[in-house]
Amino acid sequence: AADHQDQEKGLTGHPPSYSEGAKLHGTGLCRPCAFYHMKDSCSNQETCPYCHMCPAGEIKKRKKDKLNFFRQLKETDRPIILV
């Protein structure tokens, strides 16, 4: 079912590959490439400043996680110091 949804969104099963932006992969500081998992892939290839090692759907996952974080922050009504 998930494969069918990915195909509808234009996502492909590209295997992870190295790109300039992948240097920080695994640290949580990399920025996933929005085009790598699309049908035509990323035109910058190895020189892309974004990560090609992140799985398809990682951008959406991070956005959802960020939204949930700020929702929880709002619900607590306590100041939280981010380090």
Protein backbone atom coordinates (compact mmCIF):
# COMPACT_ATOMS: atom_id res chain seq x y z
CA ALA A 1 0.00 0.00 0.00
CA ALA A 2 2.84 2.41 0.88
CA ASP A 3 4.59 1.69 -2.44
CA HIS A 4 1.42 2.60 -4.33
CA GLN A 5 1.12 5.89 -2.40
CA ASP A 6 4.77 6.70 -3.16
CA GLN A 7 4.19 6.08 -6.87
CA GLU A 8 1.19 8.42 -6.84
CA LYS A 9 3.35 11.16 -5.30
CA GLY A 10 6.03 10.64 -7.95
CA LEU A 11 8.50 9.08 -5.50
CA THR A 12 10.82 6.36 -6.72
CA GLY A 13 12.93 3.73 -5.04
CA HIS A 14 16.30 5.39 -5.67
CA PRO A 15 18.95 3.79 -3.47
CA PRO A 16 20.86 6.13 -1.13
CA SER A 17 23.85 7.77 -2.79
CA TYR A 18 26.58 10.20 -1.81
CA SER A 19 26.12 13.93 -2.31
CA GLU A 20 27.89 16.94 -0.80
CA GLY A 21 24.93 17.44 1.51
CA ALA A 22 25.21 13.86 2.79
CA LYS A 23 28.36 14.68 4.77
CA LEU A 24 26.22 15.36 7.83
CA HIS A 25 23.91 12.36 7.34
CA GLY A 26 23.57 10.38 10.51
CA THR A 27 24.09 13.43 12.72
CA GLY A 28 20.55 14.73 12.31
CA LEU A 29 21.93 17.94 10.82
CA CYS A 30 21.69 17.02 7.15
CA ARG A 31 18.99 18.53 4.95
CA PRO A 32 17.19 16.01 2.71
CA CYS A 33 17.05 16.68 -1.04
CA ALA A 34 13.49 17.35 -2.17
CA PHE A 35 14.20 16.11 -5.69
CA TYR A 36 16.34 13.00 -5.23
CA HIS A 37 13.45 10.56 -4.79
CA MET A 38 11.36 12.07 -7.60
CA LYS A 39 11.00 10.39 -10.99
CA ASP A 40 13.63 12.57 -12.71
CA SER A 41 15.85 12.57 -9.61
CA CYS A 42 18.19 15.41 -8.65
CA SER A 43 20.01 17.13 -11.50
CA ASN A 44 22.90 18.17 -9.23
CA GLN A 45 23.87 14.56 -8.40
CA GLU A 46 27.09 14.39 -6.30
CA THR A 47 27.43 18.18 -6.10
CA CYS A 48 23.98 18.64 -4.54
CA PRO A 49 24.19 20.55 -1.24
CA TYR A 50 21.32 18.45 0.12
CA CYS A 51 21.40 14.88 1.44
CA HIS A 52 20.73 11.95 -0.92
CA MET A 53 21.16 9.41 1.89
CA CYS A 54 17.86 10.23 3.62
CA PRO A 55 14.93 7.94 2.76
CA ALA A 56 11.94 9.03 0.71
CA GLY A 57 9.45 10.83 2.92
CA GLU A 58 12.08 12.22 5.32
CA ILE A 59 11.18 15.85 4.61
CA LYS A 60 7.53 15.19 5.39
CA LYS A 61 8.48 13.27 8.55
CA ARG A 62 10.67 16.11 9.81
CA LYS A 63 7.95 18.68 9.13
CA LYS A 64 5.45 16.56 11.06
CA ASP A 65 7.89 16.10 13.96
CA LYS A 66 8.55 19.85 14.08
CA LEU A 67 4.83 20.64 14.07
CA ASN A 68 4.21 18.15 16.90
CA PHE A 69 7.09 19.64 18.90
CA PHE A 70 5.63 23.12 18.69
CA ARG A 71 2.13 21.84 19.50
CA GLN A 72 3.46 20.20 22.65
CA LEU A 73 5.40 23.35 23.48
CA LYS A 74 2.24 25.42 23.19
CA GLU A 75 0.29 23.00 25.39
CA THR A 76 2.80 23.11 28.25
CA ASP A 77 2.78 26.93 28.53
CA ARG A 78 6.29 26.70 29.99
CA PRO A 79 9.32 28.34 28.53
CA ILE A 80 11.68 25.75 27.09
CA ILE A 81 15.29 26.57 26.40
CA LEU A 82 16.62 24.98 23.23
CA VAL A 83 20.30 24.20 23.33
